Protein backbone atom coordinates (compact mmCIF):
# COMPACT_ATOMS: atom_id res chain seq x y z
CA MET A 1 67.86 91.57 75.45
CA ILE A 2 69.31 89.19 78.00
CA VAL A 3 69.77 90.94 81.35
CA SER A 4 71.42 89.96 84.61
CA ASN A 5 72.99 91.49 87.67
CA PHE A 6 76.05 89.25 87.18
CA PRO A 7 78.77 89.68 84.52
CA ASP A 8 78.66 85.93 83.71
CA PHE A 9 74.91 86.32 83.02
CA SER A 10 73.95 83.73 85.60
CA ASN A 11 70.33 84.04 86.69
CA SER A 12 69.62 85.92 83.46
CA LYS A 13 66.23 86.93 82.08
CA LYS A 14 64.90 88.00 78.69
CA ARG A 15 63.56 91.55 78.94
CA VAL A 16 62.65 94.54 76.77
CA VAL A 17 65.41 97.06 77.58
CA PHE A 18 64.43 100.62 76.75
CA MET A 19 67.33 102.61 78.16
CA GLU A 20 70.90 102.51 79.41
CA LYS A 21 72.01 105.25 81.79
CA ASN A 22 75.24 105.41 83.79
CA GLY A 23 75.91 101.71 83.17
CA ILE A 24 72.49 100.57 84.37
CA TYR A 25 69.99 99.01 81.96
CA LEU A 26 66.31 99.82 82.43
CA ALA A 27 63.75 97.33 81.22
CA TRP A 28 60.01 96.88 81.33
CA GLY A 29 59.25 94.59 84.26
CA TYR A 30 58.46 90.99 83.33
CA ALA A 31 58.05 91.79 79.61
CA ASP A 32 60.08 89.59 77.31
CA THR A 33 58.50 90.87 74.07
CA LEU A 34 57.49 94.28 72.74
CA GLU A 35 53.88 93.12 72.59
CA LYS A 36 53.86 92.30 76.32
CA ALA A 37 55.62 95.58 77.15
CA LYS A 38 52.74 97.66 75.75
CA ASP A 39 50.62 97.31 78.88
CA ILE A 40 53.39 97.27 81.49
CA THR A 41 54.42 100.31 83.51
CA GLU A 42 56.68 98.57 86.04
CA THR A 43 60.40 98.75 85.37
CA GLY A 44 63.48 96.88 86.51
CA ALA A 45 67.13 97.88 86.64
CA TRP A 46 69.93 95.53 85.62
CA LEU A 47 73.71 95.77 85.79
CA CYS A 48 74.42 93.76 82.63
CA ALA A 49 72.68 93.40 79.28
CA LYS A 50 73.50 91.83 75.93
CA ASP A 51 71.75 91.19 72.64
CA ILE A 52 69.97 87.89 72.25
CA GLU A 53 71.99 85.52 70.12
CA GLU A 54 69.81 84.08 67.42
CA GLU A 55 69.58 80.34 67.08
CA PRO A 56 71.32 79.11 63.96
CA LYS A 57 68.76 78.26 61.33
CA GLY A 58 68.60 74.68 60.17
CA LEU A 59 69.05 73.67 56.59
CA GLU A 60 65.99 72.40 54.76
CA LEU A 61 66.44 70.46 51.54
CA THR A 62 64.12 68.43 49.38
CA LEU A 63 65.04 64.94 48.28
CA GLU A 64 65.18 66.30 44.74
CA GLN A 65 67.82 68.85 45.76
CA ILE A 66 69.91 66.17 47.42
CA ALA A 67 69.57 63.87 44.41
CA GLU A 68 70.66 66.65 42.05
CA LYS A 69 73.61 67.62 44.23
CA PHE A 70 74.93 64.06 44.51
CA ASN A 71 73.79 62.91 41.07
CA VAL A 72 71.74 59.96 42.36
CA PRO A 73 68.11 58.98 41.81
CA VAL A 74 65.66 60.11 44.50
CA ASP A 75 64.58 56.52 45.16
CA LYS A 76 68.18 55.57 46.03
CA ILE A 77 68.49 58.12 48.83
CA LYS A 78 68.29 56.78 52.40
CA ILE A 79 68.24 59.22 55.32
CA LYS A 80 70.11 58.20 58.49
CA LYS A 81 69.93 59.84 61.89
């Protein structure tokens, strides 16, 4: 999760939150993945927490798929940036 002590999530960190109690989120100290949390016993308390928003996945297409979609030969396709 993303944790912070500020409602606008300034100075936020990625942490493994394991509990919420009375509006306080408890997380394994300095662990940003479950794998790293396995060996950590230190904890931290945070006032705010939210789920990590996943990055939108890009679209991958082959030239053949583009050619079929637009009904043009593959050798006539030019990719611009």
